[in-house]
Amino acid sequence: MSHATFNRRWATVLVETLTRHGIRHLCIAPGSRSAPLALAAAASEKLVCHTHFDERGLGFLALGLAKSTGQRVAIVVTSGTAVANLYPALVEARQGGERLVAVTADRPTELTGCGANQAIAQPGIFASHVSAALNLPRPTPEIPARWLVSALDTLLAGQKSGAVHINCPFAEPLYGEDNDDYRSWVDDLGEWWHGQDPWLHYPAAPGVPLMPDWFFARQQRGVVIVGRVSAAEGQQIAAWAEQLGWPLLGDVLSQSGQPLPHSALWLGHPQARKALNDAQLVIQFGSSLTGRNLLQFQQQCRSATWWLIDPLPGQRDPAFHQGIRVEARAGEWLTRHPAMPRQPWCPQLALLAEKTRRYLAQHLTAFGEAQLAHRLPELLAEKGVLFLGNSLAIRLVDALAQLPAGYPLYSNRGASGIDGLIASAAGVQRGLGQPLMLLLGDLSALYDLNSLALLQHSSAPVVVLVVNNQGGQIFSMLPTPPDKRERFFAMPPAVDFSHAAAAFGLQYRRADNWPALAAAVDEGFSRGVTLIEAVCEGDAGAQTLASLFREVITL
């Protein structure tokens, strides 16, 4: 009997087990050692298979799919450095909570450490950046299929957030006819093949606990902080806070509509700090806060009781407050803790927010990154999606824009890297099938240029809006030495992105004023995929933001 056939049988059971845990999307990179896994996935009618030639981009594509669908997403790669290229995406998933399943093909044990081609030590390669790992043995019919499905079910049942790693050594031969050999091995699973459930079930954990004395707590002077939550949760939290009469400090990722807009700026105002000192209870939903002033408020607020509601495990609170930490989704928690209608106890914050809004409208008139961020809501597609890059882009939007409530917004704010942003956005678009805008800087775009290939067959219009500000201008907001800043920090790339767009068959537009930008975006959302290069003046955006922090506190 053919060993290649048994490799395929083993891989087929593995792939089928993945589908029993809600996996519908599987991302595959080319490779020979992974052939049994790729062919098993291709034969499954339960999976949508995505392919990409770049494993690093493939990992981020899977990350974007996991973000937008809320489901586990699996990744299949071959052995060697292909495995190591998944590292950045798995790190981000660990920090952000997206559930990825890295299935890596490997050489058998005897080929490791002896100079064999493309063989590295893969077991444990992702260390603490995966929540669990399973190092499978070499496929052999002496190991029953019942063991394989039980081991996989146990691994996946314990995956609450982040990535897991399944390492799969395969001995040659890897290719061969799919004949009837070893049918009895898979038939040992009996009726399991005709069902939809895992072989081994693990009961779900109990529901959300009720907070102590909620009837009285909701009558206190409360403040709501909203970090990274879903669009539906952001809207639900905003309505809940309004009913309680509590001010809501919404991060750019809150999707709450930020009823008190531009808090990233006016939270530094003495009147705001004085008013918020009277808070008795702070409830934070979600983590990964962006704004400097909001982080400072979180750090310095010590007088109020602090509750943190976040579905991810661990502390999630860099200020280490004494209080109550609940692992739960915001919507589930709100259902258990209804609001009591009350009048706002801190109306002066609304006045500060309105003063700041008027000030920005009067002063952000010159074209550049700051104006782009401020007017970003005007550029968004109806029933579309927004993906924000990191570094300066997300900070400007956090401070200067008021995004529509419930408008789907995604980012990679777990580890907050600039790698993989295009690929992640491509995954989000594939998961939702809606028009998408990606806003990112020039260095971020160059870092992930290969992933423009993932947008070539997009199911809806995509606008990739690259802000060309000649490098990493966020460093001009930091105390970097001016004479060393350009060479060692900003590193301006001096690149014309029209050639990148042409290389991948994308439409291209260049804009250096607002009418041209608005027209290019409008045209981009009418068809295909368009890369728009918004040419801005060096560090003007960063300097504008820095000056606004100083000016707003004097209003």
Protein backbone atom coordinates (compact mmCIF):
# COMPACT_ATOMS: atom_id res chain seq x y z
CA MET A 1 0.00 0.00 0.00
CA SER A 2 1.15 3.53 -0.77
CA HIS A 3 2.48 5.66 2.08
CA ALA A 4 1.49 8.71 0.01
CA THR A 5 -2.10 7.52 0.19
CA PHE A 6 -1.95 7.21 3.96
CA ASN A 7 -0.49 10.72 4.27
CA ARG A 8 -3.57 11.87 2.38
CA ARG A 9 -5.91 9.88 4.65
CA TRP A 10 -4.29 11.41 7.74
CA ALA A 11 -4.53 14.91 6.27
CA THR A 12 -8.18 14.36 5.30
CA VAL A 13 -9.12 13.45 8.88
CA LEU A 14 -7.21 16.49 10.14
CA VAL A 15 -8.91 18.87 7.72
CA GLU A 16 -12.36 17.43 8.43
CA THR A 17 -11.76 17.87 12.16
CA LEU A 18 -10.97 21.54 11.60
CA THR A 19 -14.36 22.05 9.96
CA ARG A 20 -16.07 20.60 13.05
CA HIS A 21 -14.76 23.60 15.00
CA GLY A 22 -16.32 26.26 12.80
CA ILE A 23 -13.43 26.68 10.35
CA ARG A 24 -14.74 27.68 6.92
CA HIS A 25 -11.75 29.62 5.57
CA LEU A 26 -8.35 28.00 5.00
CA CYS A 27 -5.33 29.90 3.67
CA ILE A 28 -2.70 27.94 1.74
CA ALA A 29 0.83 28.81 0.60
CA PRO A 30 2.65 26.76 -2.04
CA GLY A 31 4.91 23.92 -0.92
CA SER A 32 5.66 20.26 -1.46
CA ARG A 33 5.88 18.97 2.11
CA SER A 34 2.42 20.41 2.75
CA ALA A 35 0.93 18.72 -0.36
CA PRO A 36 -1.17 16.16 1.61
CA LEU A 37 -2.79 19.01 3.58
CA ALA A 38 -3.35 21.23 0.55
CA LEU A 39 -4.91 18.40 -1.48
CA ALA A 40 -7.15 17.37 1.41
CA ALA A 41 -8.32 20.97 1.81
CA ALA A 42 -8.95 21.32 -1.93
CA ALA A 43 -11.13 18.20 -1.84
CA SER A 44 -13.29 19.47 1.03
CA GLU A 45 -16.63 20.99 0.07
CA LYS A 46 -16.89 22.68 3.47
CA LEU A 47 -13.95 25.04 3.01
CA VAL A 48 -13.22 28.23 1.11
CA CYS A 49 -9.54 28.00 0.17
CA HIS A 50 -7.44 31.17 -0.20
CA THR A 51 -3.95 31.07 -1.68
CA HIS A 52 -0.97 33.43 -1.63
CA PHE A 53 2.69 33.03 -2.57
CA ASP A 54 3.97 34.94 0.49
CA GLU A 55 3.56 33.18 3.86
CA ARG A 56 3.92 36.39 5.87
CA GLY A 57 1.12 38.01 3.89
CA LEU A 58 -0.89 34.78 4.02
CA GLY A 59 -0.81 34.86 7.83
CA PHE A 60 -2.15 38.40 7.86
CA LEU A 61 -4.79 37.53 5.27
CA ALA A 62 -6.01 34.85 7.69
CA LEU A 63 -5.91 37.39 10.50
CA GLY A 64 -8.17 39.75 8.53
CA LEU A 65 -10.58 36.93 7.75
CA ALA A 66 -10.73 36.02 11.44
CA LYS A 67 -11.39 39.64 12.39
CA SER A 68 -14.27 40.13 9.97
CA THR A 69 -15.99 36.74 10.31
CA GLY A 70 -15.44 36.21 14.03
CA GLN A 71 -14.52 32.60 13.18
CA ARG A 72 -11.38 30.53 13.47
CA VAL A 73 -9.28 30.59 10.31
CA ALA A 74 -6.67 27.94 9.43
CA ILE A 75 -3.36 28.41 7.63
CA VAL A 76 -1.38 25.70 5.83
CA VAL A 77 2.31 26.20 4.98
CA THR A 78 5.24 24.00 4.10
CA SER A 79 8.30 23.37 6.26
CA GLY A 80 11.32 25.54 7.00
CA THR A 81 11.36 29.33 6.93
CA ALA A 82 7.83 29.26 5.53
CA VAL A 83 6.76 28.47 9.09
CA ALA A 84 8.79 31.31 10.60
CA ASN A 85 7.12 33.78 8.23
CA LEU A 86 3.84 33.26 10.09
CA TYR A 87 5.34 34.68 13.28
CA PRO A 88 4.20 38.34 12.95
CA ALA A 89 0.57 37.41 12.26
CA LEU A 90 0.48 34.94 15.15
CA VAL A 91 1.96 37.55 17.49
CA GLU A 92 -0.78 39.99 16.45
CA ALA A 93 -3.44 37.31 16.93
CA ARG A 94 -2.12 36.57 20.42
CA GLN A 95 -2.38 40.26 21.36
CA GLY A 96 -5.64 40.95 19.55
CA GLY A 97 -7.46 37.72 20.35
CA GLU A 98 -8.23 36.52 16.80
CA ARG A 99 -8.32 32.74 16.57
CA LEU A 100 -5.89 31.35 14.02
CA VAL A 101 -4.88 27.71 13.53
CA ALA A 102 -1.39 27.37 12.04
CA VAL A 103 -1.02 23.95 10.40
CA THR A 104 2.62 23.54 9.43
CA ALA A 105 4.05 20.67 7.42
CA ASP A 106 7.39 19.35 8.66
CA ARG A 107 10.15 16.92 7.82
CA PRO A 108 10.10 13.71 9.88
CA THR A 109 12.21 13.72 13.06
CA GLU A 110 15.20 11.89 11.59
CA LEU A 111 15.72 14.67 9.01
CA THR A 112 16.01 17.44 11.62
CA GLY A 113 19.47 18.52 12.74
CA CYS A 114 21.35 16.50 10.13
CA GLY A 115 21.69 19.03 7.33
CA ALA A 116 18.62 17.87 5.40
CA ASN A 117 17.14 20.44 3.05
CA GLN A 118 14.46 22.82 4.34
CA ALA A 119 14.44 21.16 7.77
CA ILE A 120 14.43 23.31 10.91
CA ALA A 121 13.32 22.69 14.49
CA GLN A 122 9.60 23.48 14.24
CA PRO A 123 8.07 22.10 17.46
CA GLY A 124 7.71 25.00 19.90
CA ILE A 125 8.86 27.54 17.32
CA PHE A 126 6.12 30.04 18.26
CA ALA A 127 6.87 29.79 21.98
CA SER A 128 4.44 31.81 24.13
CA HIS A 129 2.91 33.57 21.12
CA VAL A 130 0.47 30.69 20.62
CA SER A 131 -1.94 29.64 23.33
CA ALA A 132 -1.27 25.92 22.74
CA ALA A 133 0.55 23.61 20.33
CA LEU A 134 0.21 20.03 19.16
CA ASN A 135 3.24 18.27 17.68
CA LEU A 136 1.76 15.35 15.75
CA PRO A 137 3.68 12.13 15.13
CA ARG A 138 4.62 10.89 11.69
CA PRO A 139 1.42 9.51 10.08
CA THR A 140 1.13 5.75 10.51
CA PRO A 141 -1.87 3.40 10.44
CA GLU A 142 -0.68 2.01 13.77
CA ILE A 143 -2.06 5.18 15.39
CA PRO A 144 -5.88 5.03 15.28
CA ALA A 145 -7.86 7.84 13.69
CA ARG A 146 -9.71 8.13 17.01
CA TRP A 147 -6.52 9.36 18.64
CA LEU A 148 -5.97 12.00 15.95
CA VAL A 149 -9.47 13.50 16.16
CA SER A 150 -9.44 13.40 19.97
CA ALA A 151 -6.07 15.20 20.14
CA LEU A 152 -7.21 17.87 17.68
CA ASP A 153 -10.58 18.33 19.44
CA THR A 154 -8.84 18.82 22.78
CA LEU A 155 -6.48 21.43 21.34
CA LEU A 156 -9.22 23.39 19.59
CA ALA A 157 -11.71 23.19 22.47
CA GLY A 158 -9.17 24.96 24.65
CA GLN A 159 -8.60 27.78 22.15
CA LYS A 160 -10.48 30.74 23.57
CA SER A 161 -8.38 33.41 21.86
CA GLY A 162 -5.15 33.78 19.91
CA ALA A 163 -3.48 31.19 17.73
CA VAL A 164 -2.69 27.49 18.13
CA HIS A 165 -0.03 25.53 16.28
CA ILE A 166 -0.40 22.06 14.78
CA ASN A 167 2.91 20.69 13.47
CA CYS A 168 2.54 17.84 10.96
CA PRO A 169 5.59 15.82 9.89
CA PHE A 170 5.16 13.93 6.63
CA ALA A 171 7.58 11.37 5.25
CA GLU A 172 7.94 10.90 1.49
CA PRO A 173 6.36 9.98 -0.85
CA LEU A 174 3.98 12.93 -0.73
CA TYR A 175 2.15 12.45 -4.05
CA GLY A 176 0.24 9.53 -5.43
CA GLU A 177 -3.13 8.27 -6.62
CA ASP A 178 -6.05 8.60 -4.19
CA ASN A 179 -7.04 4.94 -4.33
CA ASP A 180 -8.91 2.73 -1.85
CA ASP A 181 -5.90 1.96 0.34
CA TYR A 182 -6.34 2.45 4.10
CA ARG A 183 -10.12 2.93 3.88
CA SER A 184 -10.58 0.84 7.01
CA TRP A 185 -8.45 3.30 8.96
CA VAL A 186 -10.80 6.23 8.24
CA ASP A 187 -13.93 4.05 8.40
CA ASP A 188 -13.11 3.36 12.06
CA LEU A 189 -14.66 6.77 12.79
CA GLY A 190 -18.04 5.40 11.69
CA GLU A 191 -21.00 7.78 11.70
CA TRP A 192 -18.77 10.71 12.62
CA TRP A 193 -18.19 11.22 8.91
CA HIS A 194 -21.90 11.89 8.36
CA GLY A 195 -22.28 14.45 11.15
CA GLN A 196 -21.15 17.99 11.88
CA ASP A 197 -19.98 17.74 15.50
CA PRO A 198 -16.51 17.17 16.98
CA TRP A 199 -15.60 13.65 18.04
CA LEU A 200 -14.87 14.81 21.58
CA HIS A 201 -17.10 17.50 23.15
CA TYR A 202 -16.09 19.92 25.90
CA PRO A 203 -18.99 21.74 27.66
CA ALA A 204 -19.05 25.52 27.44
CA ALA A 205 -18.08 27.67 30.42
CA PRO A 206 -20.81 29.31 32.56
CA GLY A 207 -22.27 32.69 31.57
CA VAL A 208 -21.50 36.27 32.60
CA PRO A 209 -21.65 36.94 36.37
CA LEU A 210 -23.78 39.75 37.79
CA MET A 211 -21.70 42.57 39.28
CA PRO A 212 -22.12 43.24 43.02
CA ASP A 213 -24.75 45.85 43.96
CA TRP A 214 -25.44 46.84 40.35
CA PHE A 215 -28.75 48.46 41.36
CA PHE A 216 -26.82 50.98 43.48
CA ALA A 217 -23.67 51.15 41.34
CA ARG A 218 -25.60 52.44 38.32
CA GLN A 219 -26.79 55.40 40.39
CA GLN A 220 -23.22 56.62 40.97
CA ARG A 221 -21.26 59.17 38.96
CA GLY A 222 -19.89 56.86 36.30
CA VAL A 223 -17.56 57.20 33.31
CA VAL A 224 -17.51 54.78 30.38
CA ILE A 225 -14.31 54.14 28.42
CA VAL A 226 -14.66 52.20 25.18
CA GLY A 227 -11.67 50.62 23.48
CA ARG A 228 -11.72 47.94 20.81
CA VAL A 229 -15.20 46.42 20.55
CA SER A 230 -17.43 45.35 17.66
CA ALA A 231 -19.58 47.82 15.73
CA ALA A 232 -22.80 46.49 17.26
CA GLU A 233 -21.31 46.61 20.76
CA GLY A 234 -20.07 50.18 20.26
CA GLN A 235 -23.57 51.36 19.42
CA GLN A 236 -25.08 49.39 22.29
CA ILE A 237 -22.61 50.83 24.80
CA ALA A 238 -23.24 54.38 23.58
CA ALA A 239 -27.01 54.03 24.03
CA TRP A 240 -26.51 52.44 27.47
CA ALA A 241 -24.15 55.22 28.65
CA GLU A 242 -26.50 57.93 27.39
CA GLN A 243 -29.38 56.42 29.34
CA LEU A 244 -27.27 56.38 32.51
CA GLY A 245 -26.17 59.97 31.95
CA TRP A 246 -22.52 58.92 32.03
CA PRO A 247 -19.88 60.50 29.76
CA LEU A 248 -18.45 58.12 27.17
CA LEU A 249 -14.78 58.44 26.24
CA GLY A 250 -14.58 56.56 22.96
CA ASP A 251 -11.34 55.38 21.39
CA VAL A 252 -11.13 55.45 17.59
CA LEU A 253 -11.78 51.68 17.63
CA SER A 254 -14.93 51.99 19.77
CA GLN A 255 -17.29 52.33 16.77
CA SER A 256 -19.56 54.13 19.23
CA GLY A 257 -19.90 57.31 17.17
CA GLN A 258 -17.81 59.03 19.86
CA PRO A 259 -20.69 61.10 21.30
CA LEU A 260 -18.05 63.31 22.93
CA PRO A 261 -15.77 63.68 19.89
CA HIS A 262 -12.09 64.58 19.91
CA SER A 263 -11.60 63.48 23.52
CA ALA A 264 -8.03 62.57 22.58
CA LEU A 265 -7.43 66.34 22.53
CA TRP A 266 -9.70 67.90 25.17
CA LEU A 267 -9.04 65.28 27.86
CA GLY A 268 -5.87 67.24 28.58
CA HIS A 269 -7.90 70.36 29.42
CA PRO A 270 -7.83 71.32 33.14
CA GLN A 271 -11.65 71.57 33.22
CA ALA A 272 -11.98 68.01 31.93
CA ARG A 273 -9.57 66.64 34.49
CA LYS A 274 -11.27 68.52 37.31
CA ALA A 275 -14.71 67.26 36.28
CA LEU A 276 -13.60 63.66 35.89
CA ASN A 277 -12.02 63.70 39.33
CA ASP A 278 -15.57 63.47 40.70
CA ALA A 279 -16.18 60.10 39.05
CA GLN A 280 -17.01 57.28 41.45
CA LEU A 281 -17.03 54.38 38.99
CA VAL A 282 -15.18 53.83 35.70
CA ILE A 283 -16.28 50.98 33.45
CA GLN A 284 -13.97 50.18 30.56
CA PHE A 285 -15.13 48.01 27.67
CA GLY A 286 -12.36 46.61 25.49
CA SER A 287 -8.64 47.34 25.57
CA SER A 288 -5.94 48.63 23.17
CA LEU A 289 -6.51 52.33 23.81
CA THR A 290 -4.87 54.69 21.32
CA GLY A 291 -4.89 58.31 22.52
CA ARG A 292 -2.16 59.69 24.77
CA ASN A 293 -4.57 61.71 26.93
CA LEU A 294 -6.97 58.82 27.35
CA LEU A 295 -4.10 56.57 28.41
CA GLN A 296 -2.97 59.25 30.88
CA PHE A 297 -6.49 59.46 32.34
CA GLN A 298 -6.49 55.68 32.66
CA GLN A 299 -3.09 55.82 34.36
CA GLN A 300 -3.86 58.67 36.77
CA CYS A 301 -7.43 57.85 37.76
CA ARG A 302 -7.12 56.27 41.21
CA SER A 303 -10.07 57.58 43.21
CA ALA A 304 -12.82 55.79 41.29
CA THR A 305 -13.69 52.10 41.36
CA TRP A 306 -12.54 50.45 38.12
CA TRP A 307 -14.27 47.65 36.21
CA LEU A 308 -12.79 46.22 33.00
CA ILE A 309 -14.97 44.17 30.65
CA ASP A 310 -13.05 42.42 27.87
CA PRO A 311 -13.44 38.93 26.36
CA LEU A 312 -9.68 38.40 26.09
CA PRO A 313 -7.83 36.68 28.96
CA GLY A 314 -5.35 38.39 31.23
CA GLN A 315 -5.12 41.81 32.83
CA ARG A 316 -5.53 44.04 29.72
CA ASP A 317 -4.89 47.06 31.97
CA PRO A 318 -1.42 48.66 31.83
CA ALA A 319 -2.35 50.93 34.76
CA PHE A 320 -3.03 47.92 37.05
CA HIS A 321 -6.14 49.31 38.73
CA GLN A 322 -7.65 47.74 41.78
CA GLY A 323 -11.13 46.67 40.79
CA ILE A 324 -13.02 43.93 38.98
CA ARG A 325 -11.91 42.18 35.79
CA VAL A 326 -14.60 40.33 33.80
CA GLU A 327 -13.83 38.14 30.79
CA ALA A 328 -16.97 38.67 28.71
CA ARG A 329 -18.17 40.30 25.52
CA ALA A 330 -19.61 43.75 26.03
CA GLY A 331 -23.04 42.84 24.63
CA GLU A 332 -23.43 39.88 26.98
CA TRP A 333 -22.41 41.98 29.96
CA LEU A 334 -24.81 44.83 29.09
CA THR A 335 -27.71 42.39 28.84
CA ARG A 336 -27.06 41.38 32.45
CA HIS A 337 -26.64 45.00 33.61
CA PRO A 338 -29.48 47.23 32.36
CA ALA A 339 -29.22 51.00 32.65
CA MET A 340 -31.35 53.26 34.83
CA PRO A 341 -32.39 56.56 33.17
CA ARG A 342 -30.62 59.52 34.79
CA GLN A 343 -29.59 63.06 33.89
CA PRO A 344 -25.98 63.68 32.76
CA TRP A 345 -23.81 64.44 35.80
CA CYS A 346 -20.91 65.98 33.85
CA PRO A 347 -22.34 68.31 31.15
CA GLN A 348 -19.16 70.41 30.97
CA LEU A 349 -17.47 67.69 28.93
CA ALA A 350 -20.02 68.12 26.14
CA LEU A 351 -19.20 71.86 26.07
CA LEU A 352 -15.47 71.11 25.78
CA ALA A 353 -16.13 68.65 22.96
CA GLU A 354 -18.20 71.21 21.06
CA LYS A 355 -15.55 73.94 21.51
CA THR A 356 -12.91 71.55 20.17
CA ARG A 357 -15.07 70.58 17.21
CA ARG A 358 -15.54 74.23 16.21
CA TYR A 359 -11.83 74.96 16.68
CA LEU A 360 -10.82 72.11 14.39
CA ALA A 361 -13.30 73.14 11.72
CA GLN A 362 -11.83 76.64 11.72
CA HIS A 363 -8.16 75.70 11.73
CA LEU A 364 -7.79 72.51 9.67
CA THR A 365 -8.16 74.18 6.29
CA ALA A 366 -4.82 73.38 4.60
CA PHE A 367 -4.52 70.08 2.75
CA GLY A 368 -2.47 67.47 4.56
CA GLU A 369 -2.65 64.48 6.86
CA ALA A 370 -4.46 66.37 9.59
CA GLN A 371 -7.21 67.64 7.27
CA LEU A 372 -7.49 64.20 5.68
CA ALA A 373 -8.02 62.60 9.10
CA HIS A 374 -10.52 65.28 10.14
CA ARG A 375 -12.60 64.90 6.96
CA LEU A 376 -12.18 61.14 6.64
CA PRO A 377 -15.89 60.46 7.32
CA GLU A 378 -16.71 62.32 4.08
CA LEU A 379 -14.68 59.76 2.10
CA LEU A 380 -16.22 56.59 3.47
CA ALA A 381 -18.28 54.38 1.18
CA GLU A 382 -21.94 53.77 2.01
CA LYS A 383 -22.29 50.33 3.61
CA GLY A 384 -18.54 50.04 3.50
CA VAL A 385 -15.69 49.14 5.82
CA LEU A 386 -12.66 51.09 7.08
CA PHE A 387 -9.27 49.60 7.93
CA LEU A 388 -6.83 51.94 9.69
CA GLY A 389 -3.08 51.55 9.59
CA ASN A 390 -0.90 52.10 12.61
CA SER A 391 1.62 54.73 13.63
CA LEU A 392 0.61 58.32 12.82
CA ALA A 393 -2.49 57.48 10.73
CA ILE A 394 -4.59 56.00 13.53
CA ARG A 395 -3.53 58.67 16.03
CA LEU A 396 -4.63 61.47 13.71
CA VAL A 397 -8.00 59.84 13.08
CA ASP A 398 -8.44 59.16 16.80
CA ALA A 399 -7.90 62.82 17.65
CA LEU A 400 -9.43 64.65 14.69
CA ALA A 401 -12.27 62.56 13.21
CA GLN A 402 -15.71 61.65 14.46
CA LEU A 403 -16.49 58.38 12.72
CA PRO A 404 -20.11 57.27 12.16
CA ALA A 405 -21.61 55.12 14.91
CA GLY A 406 -21.52 51.46 13.98
CA TYR A 407 -19.41 51.95 10.85
CA PRO A 408 -17.29 48.77 10.66
CA LEU A 409 -13.70 49.61 11.58
CA TYR A 410 -10.73 47.26 11.78
CA SER A 411 -7.05 47.58 12.61
CA ASN A 412 -4.08 45.60 13.90
CA ARG A 413 -3.80 47.16 17.36
CA GLY A 414 -2.74 44.04 19.22
CA ALA A 415 0.98 44.46 18.67
CA SER A 416 0.42 47.66 16.62
CA GLY A 417 2.96 46.81 13.92
CA ILE A 418 3.11 48.29 10.43
CA ASP A 419 3.63 44.88 8.82
CA GLY A 420 0.82 43.00 7.11
CA LEU A 421 -1.70 45.84 6.95
CA ILE A 422 -2.61 45.39 3.28
CA ALA A 423 -2.98 41.63 3.71
CA SER A 424 -5.11 42.05 6.84
CA ALA A 425 -7.37 44.51 5.04
CA ALA A 426 -7.68 42.08 2.13
CA GLY A 427 -8.79 39.40 4.60
CA VAL A 428 -11.38 41.73 6.10
CA GLN A 429 -12.75 42.53 2.66
CA ARG A 430 -12.99 38.85 1.73
CA GLY A 431 -14.73 38.07 5.00
CA LEU A 432 -17.37 40.80 4.60
CA GLY A 433 -17.63 41.31 0.84
CA GLN A 434 -18.19 45.06 1.26
CA PRO A 435 -16.44 48.11 -0.23
CA LEU A 436 -13.32 48.84 1.80
CA MET A 437 -11.02 51.78 2.41
CA LEU A 438 -7.54 51.14 3.77
CA LEU A 439 -5.73 54.19 5.16
CA LEU A 440 -2.02 53.73 5.85
CA GLY A 441 1.36 55.43 5.57
CA ASP A 442 3.98 55.06 2.87
CA LEU A 443 6.36 52.90 4.93
CA SER A 444 3.51 50.60 5.95
CA ALA A 445 2.49 50.20 2.32
CA LEU A 446 6.04 49.39 1.22
CA TYR A 447 6.43 46.86 4.03
CA ASP A 448 3.49 44.81 2.67
CA LEU A 449 3.69 45.56 -1.03
CA ASN A 450 3.44 41.88 -2.05
CA SER A 451 -0.03 41.76 -0.54
CA LEU A 452 -1.42 44.05 -3.23
CA ALA A 453 -1.72 40.78 -5.16
CA LEU A 454 -4.43 39.73 -2.70
CA LEU A 455 -6.61 42.62 -3.86
CA GLN A 456 -6.50 41.81 -7.57
CA HIS A 457 -9.77 39.87 -7.53
CA SER A 458 -11.65 41.72 -4.83
CA SER A 459 -15.40 41.09 -4.67
CA ALA A 460 -16.18 44.78 -4.06
CA PRO A 461 -14.43 48.12 -4.71
CA VAL A 462 -11.32 48.77 -2.61
CA VAL A 463 -9.51 52.07 -2.09
CA VAL A 464 -5.97 51.84 -0.74
CA LEU A 465 -5.24 55.36 0.47
CA VAL A 466 -1.48 55.73 0.98
CA VAL A 467 -0.39 58.89 2.76
CA ASN A 468 3.01 59.74 1.31
CA ASN A 469 4.54 61.96 3.97
CA GLN A 470 8.11 60.94 3.15
CA GLY A 471 8.63 58.29 5.80
CA GLY A 472 7.86 57.62 9.44
CA GLN A 473 6.85 61.11 10.52
CA ILE A 474 5.50 59.97 13.87
CA PHE A 475 9.10 60.19 15.03
CA SER A 476 8.92 63.98 14.68
CA MET A 477 6.49 63.91 17.65
CA LEU A 478 9.08 62.11 19.74
CA PRO A 479 12.32 63.50 21.20
CA THR A 480 14.44 62.02 18.41
CA PRO A 481 17.57 64.08 17.59
CA PRO A 482 16.64 66.40 14.69
CA ASP A 483 19.94 65.88 12.90
CA LYS A 484 19.52 62.09 13.01
CA ARG A 485 15.74 61.90 12.54
CA GLU A 486 15.52 61.58 8.77
CA ARG A 487 18.27 59.01 8.27
CA PHE A 488 17.74 56.77 11.30
CA PHE A 489 14.04 57.19 12.13
CA ALA A 490 11.83 58.63 9.36
CA MET A 491 13.81 56.89 6.57
CA PRO A 492 11.95 58.56 3.65
CA PRO A 493 11.66 55.95 0.87
CA ALA A 494 11.44 58.28 -2.16
CA VAL A 495 9.07 55.91 -3.97
CA ASP A 496 6.50 56.55 -6.70
CA PHE A 497 3.57 54.27 -5.90
CA SER A 498 2.24 54.42 -9.46
CA HIS A 499 4.73 51.70 -10.37
CA ALA A 500 3.52 49.49 -7.52
CA ALA A 501 -0.06 49.85 -8.69
CA ALA A 502 0.95 49.05 -12.26
CA ALA A 503 2.93 45.97 -11.19
CA PHE A 504 -0.20 44.44 -9.66
CA GLY A 505 -2.67 45.70 -12.26
CA LEU A 506 -4.41 48.18 -9.95
CA GLN A 507 -5.79 51.59 -10.84
CA TYR A 508 -3.74 54.56 -9.59
CA ARG A 509 -4.50 58.15 -8.71
CA ARG A 510 -2.35 60.87 -7.17
CA ALA A 511 -3.74 63.74 -5.10
CA ASP A 512 -2.13 66.76 -3.47
CA ASN A 513 -5.30 68.75 -2.69
CA TRP A 514 -8.70 67.96 -1.21
CA PRO A 515 -10.88 68.20 -4.37
CA ALA A 516 -8.53 65.84 -6.22
CA LEU A 517 -8.52 63.40 -3.31
CA ALA A 518 -12.29 63.41 -2.88
CA ALA A 519 -12.79 62.88 -6.63
CA ALA A 520 -10.25 60.03 -6.71
CA VAL A 521 -11.90 58.26 -3.78
CA ASP A 522 -15.36 58.68 -5.29
CA GLU A 523 -14.12 57.24 -8.59
CA GLY A 524 -12.31 54.44 -6.76
CA PHE A 525 -15.45 53.28 -5.02
CA SER A 526 -17.25 53.07 -8.35
CA ARG A 527 -15.05 50.27 -9.70
CA GLY A 528 -12.26 47.81 -9.02
CA VAL A 529 -9.25 48.42 -6.80
CA THR A 530 -7.54 51.80 -6.71
CA LEU A 531 -4.33 52.85 -5.02
CA ILE A 532 -4.50 56.57 -4.23
CA GLU A 533 -1.29 58.31 -3.25
CA ALA A 534 -2.06 61.36 -1.10
CA VAL A 535 1.10 63.48 -1.20
CA CYS A 536 1.52 65.48 1.99
CA GLU A 537 4.19 67.77 3.36
CA GLY A 538 6.69 65.83 5.49
CA ASP A 539 6.05 66.19 9.20
CA ALA A 540 3.24 68.75 8.87
CA GLY A 541 0.60 66.28 10.10
CA ALA A 542 2.59 65.29 13.14
CA GLN A 543 3.42 68.91 13.98
CA THR A 544 -0.24 69.93 13.57
CA LEU A 545 -1.33 67.24 16.00
CA ALA A 546 1.35 68.24 18.49
CA SER A 547 0.30 71.90 18.33
CA LEU A 548 -3.39 70.99 18.72
CA PHE A 549 -2.62 69.16 21.95
CA ARG A 550 -1.17 72.44 23.26
CA GLU A 551 -3.83 74.76 21.84
CA VAL A 552 -6.98 72.88 22.84
CA ILE A 553 -6.15 72.97 26.56
CA THR A 554 -6.39 76.79 26.40
CA LEU A 555 -9.91 76.92 24.92
